[in-house]
Amino acid sequence: MRIRVVEKKLGRERALGQCYHGEGVVEIDPRQSERERLDTLIHEVLHLAKPDLIEDEVIRVANILSKQVWKCGYRRILKS
């Protein structure tokens, strides 16, 4: 599955992120801390990968994965 991540202010949608299943697109609001952004990204990718999961499970699994990945020192490297 190919996934394209796009940064977009989502204030009107009242969301930190959203995904479009048919298009493989994830939108992330850039006005988050790096830690929150990681959790949002994992959350939205989980929605694409496992559309059958209920929201509570997506939240639970995304929190577990993002905390562990962050704890292991993984960080985003911004392109200049």
PDB file of N, CA and C in Angstrom:
ATOM      1  N   MET A   1       0.839  -1.178   0.000  1.00  0.00           N
ATOM      2  CA  MET A   1       0.000   0.000   0.000  1.00  0.00           C
ATOM      3  C   MET A   1       0.887   1.246   0.000  1.00  0.00           C
ATOM      4  N   ARG A   2       0.640   2.123  -0.914  1.00  0.00           N
ATOM      5  CA  ARG A   2       1.385   3.375  -0.994  1.00  0.00           C
ATOM      6  C   ARG A   2       0.591   4.445  -0.237  1.00  0.00           C
ATOM      7  N   ILE A   3       1.279   5.171   0.646  1.00  0.00           N
ATOM      8  CA  ILE A   3       0.627   6.207   1.466  1.00  0.00           C
ATOM      9  C   ILE A   3       1.337   7.524   1.244  1.00  0.00           C
ATOM     10  N   ARG A   4       0.550   8.549   0.992  1.00  0.00           N
ATOM     11  CA  ARG A   4       1.098   9.907   0.832  1.00  0.00           C
ATOM     12  C   ARG A   4       0.651  10.727   2.033  1.00  0.00           C
ATOM     13  N   VAL A   5       1.616  11.361   2.709  1.00  0.00           N
ATOM     14  CA  VAL A   5       1.333  12.179   3.887  1.00  0.00           C
ATOM     15  C   VAL A   5       1.407  13.650   3.489  1.00  0.00           C
ATOM     16  N   VAL A   6       0.355  14.377   3.811  1.00  0.00           N
ATOM     17  CA  VAL A   6       0.242  15.791   3.454  1.00  0.00           C
ATOM     18  C   VAL A   6       0.003  16.592   4.732  1.00  0.00           C
ATOM     19  N   GLU A   7       0.734  17.700   4.879  1.00  0.00           N
ATOM     20  CA  GLU A   7       0.478  18.593   6.006  1.00  0.00           C
ATOM     21  C   GLU A   7      -0.576  19.600   5.601  1.00  0.00           C
ATOM     22  N   LYS A   8      -1.598  19.739   6.443  1.00  0.00           N
ATOM     23  CA  LYS A   8      -2.698  20.655   6.152  1.00  0.00           C
ATOM     24  C   LYS A   8      -3.333  21.067   7.472  1.00  0.00           C
ATOM     25  N   LYS A   9      -3.583  22.358   7.637  1.00  0.00           N
ATOM     26  CA  LYS A   9      -4.269  22.830   8.840  1.00  0.00           C
ATOM     27  C   LYS A   9      -5.697  22.287   8.814  1.00  0.00           C
ATOM     28  N   LEU A  10      -6.068  21.587   9.891  1.00  0.00           N
ATOM     29  CA  LEU A  10      -7.354  20.908   9.948  1.00  0.00           C
ATOM     30  C   LEU A  10      -8.279  21.493  11.016  1.00  0.00           C
ATOM     31  N   GLY A  11      -8.097  22.759  11.315  1.00  0.00           N
ATOM     32  CA  GLY A  11      -8.925  23.402  12.336  1.00  0.00           C
ATOM     33  C   GLY A  11     -10.405  23.346  12.024  1.00  0.00           C
ATOM     34  N   ARG A  12     -10.758  23.582  10.778  1.00  0.00           N
ATOM     35  CA  ARG A  12     -12.169  23.549  10.367  1.00  0.00           C
ATOM     36  C   ARG A  12     -12.756  22.156  10.574  1.00  0.00           C
ATOM     37  N   GLU A  13     -11.948  21.131  10.354  1.00  0.00           N
ATOM     38  CA  GLU A  13     -12.400  19.750  10.516  1.00  0.00           C
ATOM     39  C   GLU A  13     -12.374  19.304  11.973  1.00  0.00           C
ATOM     40  N   ARG A  14     -11.768  20.135  12.830  1.00  0.00           N
ATOM     41  CA  ARG A  14     -11.614  19.811  14.255  1.00  0.00           C
ATOM     42  C   ARG A  14     -10.934  18.457  14.430  1.00  0.00           C
ATOM     43  N   ALA A  15      -9.828  18.288  13.705  1.00  0.00           N
ATOM     44  CA  ALA A  15      -9.091  17.028  13.742  1.00  0.00           C
ATOM     45  C   ALA A  15      -7.598  17.327  13.716  1.00  0.00           C
ATOM     46  N   LEU A  16      -6.815  16.400  14.248  1.00  0.00           N
ATOM     47  CA  LEU A  16      -5.358  16.489  14.171  1.00  0.00           C
ATOM     48  C   LEU A  16      -4.850  15.773  12.935  1.00  0.00           C
ATOM     49  N   GLY A  17      -5.662  14.850  12.434  1.00  0.00           N
ATOM     50  CA  GLY A  17      -5.308  14.115  11.234  1.00  0.00           C
ATOM     51  C   GLY A  17      -6.542  13.470  10.646  1.00  0.00           C
ATOM     52  N   GLN A  18      -6.443  13.103   9.398  1.00  0.00           N
ATOM     53  CA  GLN A  18      -7.516  12.352   8.751  1.00  0.00           C
ATOM     54  C   GLN A  18      -6.937  11.574   7.580  1.00  0.00           C
ATOM     55  N   CYS A  19      -7.661  10.520   7.193  1.00  0.00           N
ATOM     56  CA  CYS A  19      -7.169   9.710   6.080  1.00  0.00           C
ATOM     57  C   CYS A  19      -8.281   9.474   5.072  1.00  0.00           C
ATOM     58  N   TYR A  20      -7.850   9.174   3.859  1.00  0.00           N
ATOM     59  CA  TYR A  20      -8.770   8.890   2.763  1.00  0.00           C
ATOM     60  C   TYR A  20      -8.431   7.496   2.236  1.00  0.00           C
ATOM     61  N   HIS A  21      -9.275   6.536   2.561  1.00  0.00           N
ATOM     62  CA  HIS A  21      -8.998   5.128   2.262  1.00  0.00           C
ATOM     63  C   HIS A  21      -8.750   4.857   0.791  1.00  0.00           C
ATOM     64  N   GLY A  22      -9.603   5.321  -0.075  1.00  0.00           N
ATOM     65  CA  GLY A  22      -9.475   5.021  -1.491  1.00  0.00           C
ATOM     66  C   GLY A  22      -8.254   5.635  -2.140  1.00  0.00           C
ATOM     67  N   GLU A  23      -7.751   6.708  -1.560  1.00  0.00           N
ATOM     68  CA  GLU A  23      -6.633   7.439  -2.153  1.00  0.00           C
ATOM     69  C   GLU A  23      -5.291   7.141  -1.487  1.00  0.00           C
ATOM     70  N   GLY A  24      -5.318   6.539  -0.299  1.00  0.00           N
ATOM     71  CA  GLY A  24      -4.083   6.299   0.426  1.00  0.00           C
ATOM     72  C   GLY A  24      -3.416   7.581   0.892  1.00  0.00           C
ATOM     73  N   VAL A  25      -4.232   8.569   1.223  1.00  0.00           N
ATOM     74  CA  VAL A  25      -3.717   9.871   1.643  1.00  0.00           C
ATOM     75  C   VAL A  25      -3.992  10.075   3.128  1.00  0.00           C
ATOM     76  N   VAL A  26      -2.975  10.572   3.826  1.00  0.00           N
ATOM     77  CA  VAL A  26      -3.109  10.950   5.232  1.00  0.00           C
ATOM     78  C   VAL A  26      -2.809  12.436   5.328  1.00  0.00           C
ATOM     79  N   GLU A  27      -3.705  13.181   5.963  1.00  0.00           N
ATOM     80  CA  GLU A  27      -3.476  14.597   6.231  1.00  0.00           C
ATOM     81  C   GLU A  27      -3.164  14.766   7.706  1.00  0.00           C
ATOM     82  N   ILE A  28      -2.121  15.543   7.986  1.00  0.00           N
ATOM     83  CA  ILE A  28      -1.671  15.795   9.357  1.00  0.00           C
ATOM     84  C   ILE A  28      -1.646  17.300   9.588  1.00  0.00           C
ATOM     85  N   ASP A  29      -2.251  17.733  10.679  1.00  0.00           N
ATOM     86  CA  ASP A  29      -2.191  19.149  11.023  1.00  0.00           C
ATOM     87  C   ASP A  29      -0.786  19.453  11.548  1.00  0.00           C
ATOM     88  N   PRO A  30      -0.087  20.414  10.936  1.00  0.00           N
ATOM     89  CA  PRO A  30       1.296  20.706  11.342  1.00  0.00           C
ATOM     90  C   PRO A  30       1.422  21.438  12.674  1.00  0.00           C
ATOM     91  N   ARG A  31       0.321  21.860  13.253  1.00  0.00           N
ATOM     92  CA  ARG A  31       0.365  22.637  14.500  1.00  0.00           C
ATOM     93  C   ARG A  31       0.352  21.728  15.723  1.00  0.00           C
ATOM     94  N   GLN A  32       1.151  20.674  15.675  1.00  0.00           N
ATOM     95  CA  GLN A  32       1.273  19.731  16.783  1.00  0.00           C
ATOM     96  C   GLN A  32       2.738  19.634  17.172  1.00  0.00           C
ATOM     97  N   SER A  33       2.976  19.179  18.375  1.00  0.00           N
ATOM     98  CA  SER A  33       4.358  18.887  18.759  1.00  0.00           C
ATOM     99  C   SER A  33       4.811  17.677  17.939  1.00  0.00           C
ATOM    100  N   GLU A  34       6.102  17.464  17.871  1.00  0.00           N
ATOM    101  CA  GLU A  34       6.623  16.317  17.125  1.00  0.00           C
ATOM    102  C   GLU A  34       6.118  15.001  17.711  1.00  0.00           C
ATOM    103  N   ARG A  35       6.009  14.934  19.012  1.00  0.00           N
ATOM    104  CA  ARG A  35       5.512  13.719  19.680  1.00  0.00           C
ATOM    105  C   ARG A  35       4.056  13.463  19.310  1.00  0.00           C
ATOM    106  N   GLU A  36       3.233  14.506  19.336  1.00  0.00           N
ATOM    107  CA  GLU A  36       1.826  14.365  18.968  1.00  0.00           C
ATOM    108  C   GLU A  36       1.679  14.015  17.486  1.00  0.00           C
ATOM    109  N   ARG A  37       2.530  14.612  16.670  1.00  0.00           N
ATOM    110  CA  ARG A  37       2.481  14.357  15.231  1.00  0.00           C
ATOM    111  C   ARG A  37       2.750  12.883  14.944  1.00  0.00           C
ATOM    112  N   LEU A  38       3.720  12.300  15.645  1.00  0.00           N
ATOM    113  CA  LEU A  38       4.026  10.881  15.480  1.00  0.00           C
ATOM    114  C   LEU A  38       2.809  10.031  15.827  1.00  0.00           C
ATOM    115  N   ASP A  39       2.166  10.336  16.944  1.00  0.00           N
ATOM    116  CA  ASP A  39       0.988   9.578  17.352  1.00  0.00           C
ATOM    117  C   ASP A  39      -0.134   9.724  16.322  1.00  0.00           C
ATOM    118  N   THR A  40      -0.348  10.932  15.829  1.00  0.00           N
ATOM    119  CA  THR A  40      -1.390  11.174  14.829  1.00  0.00           C
ATOM    120  C   THR A  40      -1.091  10.420  13.541  1.00  0.00           C
ATOM    121  N   LEU A  41       0.156  10.444  13.118  1.00  0.00           N
ATOM    122  CA  LEU A  41       0.544   9.735  11.895  1.00  0.00           C
ATOM    123  C   LEU A  41       0.284   8.240  12.028  1.00  0.00           C
ATOM    124  N   ILE A  42       0.719   7.652  13.122  1.00  0.00           N
ATOM    125  CA  ILE A  42       0.494   6.218  13.345  1.00  0.00           C
ATOM    126  C   ILE A  42      -1.001   5.925  13.405  1.00  0.00           C
ATOM    127  N   HIS A  43      -1.753   6.774  14.081  1.00  0.00           N
ATOM    128  CA  HIS A  43      -3.204   6.620  14.193  1.00  0.00           C
ATOM    129  C   HIS A  43      -3.858   6.574  12.807  1.00  0.00           C
ATOM    130  N   GLU A  44      -3.525   7.529  11.963  1.00  0.00           N
ATOM    131  CA  GLU A  44      -4.151   7.596  10.638  1.00  0.00           C
ATOM    132  C   GLU A  44      -3.696   6.454   9.734  1.00  0.00           C
ATOM    133  N   VAL A  45      -2.444   6.057   9.819  1.00  0.00           N
ATOM    134  CA  VAL A  45      -1.967   4.923   9.028  1.00  0.00           C
ATOM    135  C   VAL A  45      -2.652   3.633   9.488  1.00  0.00           C
ATOM    136  N   LEU A  46      -2.895   3.509  10.772  1.00  0.00           N
ATOM    137  CA  LEU A  46      -3.644   2.347  11.265  1.00  0.00           C
ATOM    138  C   LEU A  46      -5.043   2.294  10.653  1.00  0.00           C
ATOM    139  N   HIS A  47      -5.688   3.439  10.531  1.00  0.00           N
ATOM    140  CA  HIS A  47      -7.011   3.477   9.893  1.00  0.00           C
ATOM    141  C   HIS A  47      -6.931   2.936   8.462  1.00  0.00           C
ATOM    142  N   LEU A  48      -5.864   3.290   7.742  1.00  0.00           N
ATOM    143  CA  LEU A  48      -5.708   2.792   6.370  1.00  0.00           C
ATOM    144  C   LEU A  48      -5.395   1.297   6.346  1.00  0.00           C
ATOM    145  N   ALA A  49      -4.515   0.869   7.242  1.00  0.00           N
ATOM    146  CA  ALA A  49      -4.051  -0.524   7.232  1.00  0.00           C
ATOM    147  C   ALA A  49      -5.090  -1.488   7.789  1.00  0.00           C
ATOM    148  N   LYS A  50      -5.852  -1.035   8.768  1.00  0.00           N
ATOM    149  CA  LYS A  50      -6.825  -1.900   9.438  1.00  0.00           C
ATOM    150  C   LYS A  50      -8.164  -1.180   9.569  1.00  0.00           C
ATOM    151  N   PRO A  51      -8.870  -0.981   8.462  1.00  0.00           N
ATOM    152  CA  PRO A  51     -10.115  -0.214   8.498  1.00  0.00           C
ATOM    153  C   PRO A  51     -11.216  -0.856   9.348  1.00  0.00           C
ATOM    154  N   ASP A  52     -11.053  -2.126   9.693  1.00  0.00           N
ATOM    155  CA  ASP A  52     -12.045  -2.824  10.504  1.00  0.00           C
ATOM    156  C   ASP A  52     -11.934  -2.513  11.995  1.00  0.00           C
ATOM    157  N   LEU A  53     -10.812  -1.914  12.427  1.00  0.00           N
ATOM    158  CA  LEU A  53     -10.636  -1.601  13.846  1.00  0.00           C
ATOM    159  C   LEU A  53     -11.560  -0.473  14.266  1.00  0.00           C
ATOM    160  N   ILE A  54     -12.138  -0.610  15.463  1.00  0.00           N
ATOM    161  CA  ILE A  54     -12.954   0.474  16.002  1.00  0.00           C
ATOM    162  C   ILE A  54     -12.031   1.578  16.509  1.00  0.00           C
ATOM    163  N   GLU A  55     -12.564   2.778  16.627  1.00  0.00           N
ATOM    164  CA  GLU A  55     -11.760   3.948  16.990  1.00  0.00           C
ATOM    165  C   GLU A  55     -11.006   3.769  18.309  1.00  0.00           C
ATOM    166  N   ASP A  56     -11.641   3.179  19.305  1.00  0.00           N
ATOM    167  CA  ASP A  56     -10.967   2.972  20.596  1.00  0.00           C
ATOM    168  C   ASP A  56      -9.729   2.097  20.456  1.00  0.00           C
ATOM    169  N   GLU A  57      -9.792   1.083  19.595  1.00  0.00           N
ATOM    170  CA  GLU A  57      -8.633   0.215  19.363  1.00  0.00           C
ATOM    171  C   GLU A  57      -7.545   0.948  18.595  1.00  0.00           C
ATOM    172  N   VAL A  58      -7.928   1.746  17.626  1.00  0.00           N
ATOM    173  CA  VAL A  58      -6.951   2.531  16.873  1.00  0.00           C
ATOM    174  C   VAL A  58      -6.209   3.462  17.828  1.00  0.00           C
ATOM    175  N   ILE A  59      -6.941   4.131  18.693  1.00  0.00           N
ATOM    176  CA  ILE A  59      -6.327   5.043  19.669  1.00  0.00           C
ATOM    177  C   ILE A  59      -5.373   4.276  20.576  1.00  0.00           C
ATOM    178  N   ARG A  60      -5.825   3.136  21.105  1.00  0.00           N
ATOM    179  CA  ARG A  60      -5.009   2.348  22.033  1.00  0.00           C
ATOM    180  C   ARG A  60      -3.718   1.862  21.378  1.00  0.00           C
ATOM    181  N   VAL A  61      -3.830   1.280  20.192  1.00  0.00           N
ATOM    182  CA  VAL A  61      -2.657   0.736  19.510  1.00  0.00           C
ATOM    183  C   VAL A  61      -1.716   1.863  19.075  1.00  0.00           C
ATOM    184  N   ALA A  62      -2.252   2.953  18.547  1.00  0.00           N
ATOM    185  CA  ALA A  62      -1.414   4.086  18.128  1.00  0.00           C
ATOM    186  C   ALA A  62      -0.638   4.650  19.314  1.00  0.00           C
ATOM    187  N   ASN A  63      -1.275   4.754  20.461  1.00  0.00           N
ATOM    188  CA  ASN A  63      -0.586   5.264  21.655  1.00  0.00           C
ATOM    189  C   ASN A  63       0.558   4.348  22.076  1.00  0.00           C
ATOM    190  N   ILE A  64       0.312   3.050  22.068  1.00  0.00           N
ATOM    191  CA  ILE A  64       1.358   2.087  22.437  1.00  0.00           C
ATOM    192  C   ILE A  64       2.534   2.195  21.466  1.00  0.00           C
ATOM    193  N   LEU A  65       2.246   2.164  20.169  1.00  0.00           N
ATOM    194  CA  LEU A  65       3.314   2.202  19.166  1.00  0.00           C
ATOM    195  C   LEU A  65       4.079   3.523  19.198  1.00  0.00           C
ATOM    196  N   SER A  66       3.372   4.631  19.250  1.00  0.00           N
ATOM    197  CA  SER A  66       4.059   5.930  19.214  1.00  0.00           C
ATOM    198  C   SER A  66       4.908   6.150  20.464  1.00  0.00           C
ATOM    199  N   LYS A  67       4.422   5.724  21.619  1.00  0.00           N
ATOM    200  CA  LYS A  67       5.221   5.874  22.849  1.00  0.00           C
ATOM    201  C   LYS A  67       6.510   5.060  22.767  1.00  0.00           C
ATOM    202  N   GLN A  68       6.411   3.838  22.244  1.00  0.00           N
ATOM    203  CA  GLN A  68       7.593   2.988  22.164  1.00  0.00           C
ATOM    204  C   GLN A  68       8.583   3.501  21.123  1.00  0.00           C
ATOM    205  N   VAL A  69       8.087   3.914  19.966  1.00  0.00           N
ATOM    206  CA  VAL A  69       8.953   4.442  18.913  1.00  0.00           C
ATOM    207  C   VAL A  69       9.651   5.710  19.412  1.00  0.00           C
ATOM    208  N   TRP A  70       8.913   6.591  20.092  1.00  0.00           N
ATOM    209  CA  TRP A  70       9.494   7.829  20.633  1.00  0.00           C
ATOM    210  C   TRP A  70      10.532   7.499  21.705  1.00  0.00           C
ATOM    211  N   LYS A  71      10.202   6.555  22.574  1.00  0.00           N
ATOM    212  CA  LYS A  71      11.108   6.137  23.655  1.00  0.00           C
ATOM    213  C   LYS A  71      12.417   5.579  23.100  1.00  0.00           C
ATOM    214  N   CYS A  72      12.358   4.927  21.946  1.00  0.00           N
ATOM    215  CA  CYS A  72      13.549   4.374  21.302  1.00  0.00           C
ATOM    216  C   CYS A  72      14.369   5.434  20.572  1.00  0.00           C
ATOM    217  N   GLY A  73      13.877   6.675  20.574  1.00  0.00           N
ATOM    218  CA  GLY A  73      14.660   7.773  20.032  1.00  0.00           C
ATOM    219  C   GLY A  73      14.385   8.139  18.586  1.00  0.00           C
ATOM    220  N   TYR A  74      13.370   7.558  17.987  1.00  0.00           N
ATOM    221  CA  TYR A  74      13.078   7.908  16.599  1.00  0.00           C
ATOM    222  C   TYR A  74      12.457   9.296  16.523  1.00  0.00           C
ATOM    223  N   ARG A  75      12.984  10.112  15.596  1.00  0.00           N
ATOM    224  CA  ARG A  75      12.510  11.480  15.403  1.00  0.00           C
ATOM    225  C   ARG A  75      12.451  11.771  13.911  1.00  0.00           C
ATOM    226  N   ARG A  76      11.643  12.732  13.558  1.00  0.00           N
ATOM    227  CA  ARG A  76      11.530  13.157  12.167  1.00  0.00           C
ATOM    228  C   ARG A  76      12.723  14.047  11.827  1.00  0.00           C
ATOM    229  N   ILE A  77      13.293  13.825  10.663  1.00  0.00           N
ATOM    230  CA  ILE A  77      14.372  14.678  10.155  1.00  0.00           C
ATOM    231  C   ILE A  77      13.763  15.555   9.073  1.00  0.00           C
ATOM    232  N   LEU A  78      13.771  16.853   9.299  1.00  0.00           N
ATOM    233  CA  LEU A  78      13.201  17.785   8.342  1.00  0.00           C
ATOM    234  C   LEU A  78      14.155  18.018   7.197  1.00  0.00           C
ATOM    235  N   LYS A  79      13.627  17.977   5.981  1.00  0.00           N
ATOM    236  CA  LYS A  79      14.440  18.246   4.797  1.00  0.00           C
ATOM    237  C   LYS A  79      14.663  19.740   4.688  1.00  0.00           C
ATOM    238  N   SER A  80      15.877  20.126   4.302  1.00  0.00           N
ATOM    239  CA  SER A  80      16.148  21.562   4.183  1.00  0.00           C
ATOM    240  C   SER A  80      16.065  22.033   2.769  1.00  0.00           C
TER     241      SER A  80
END
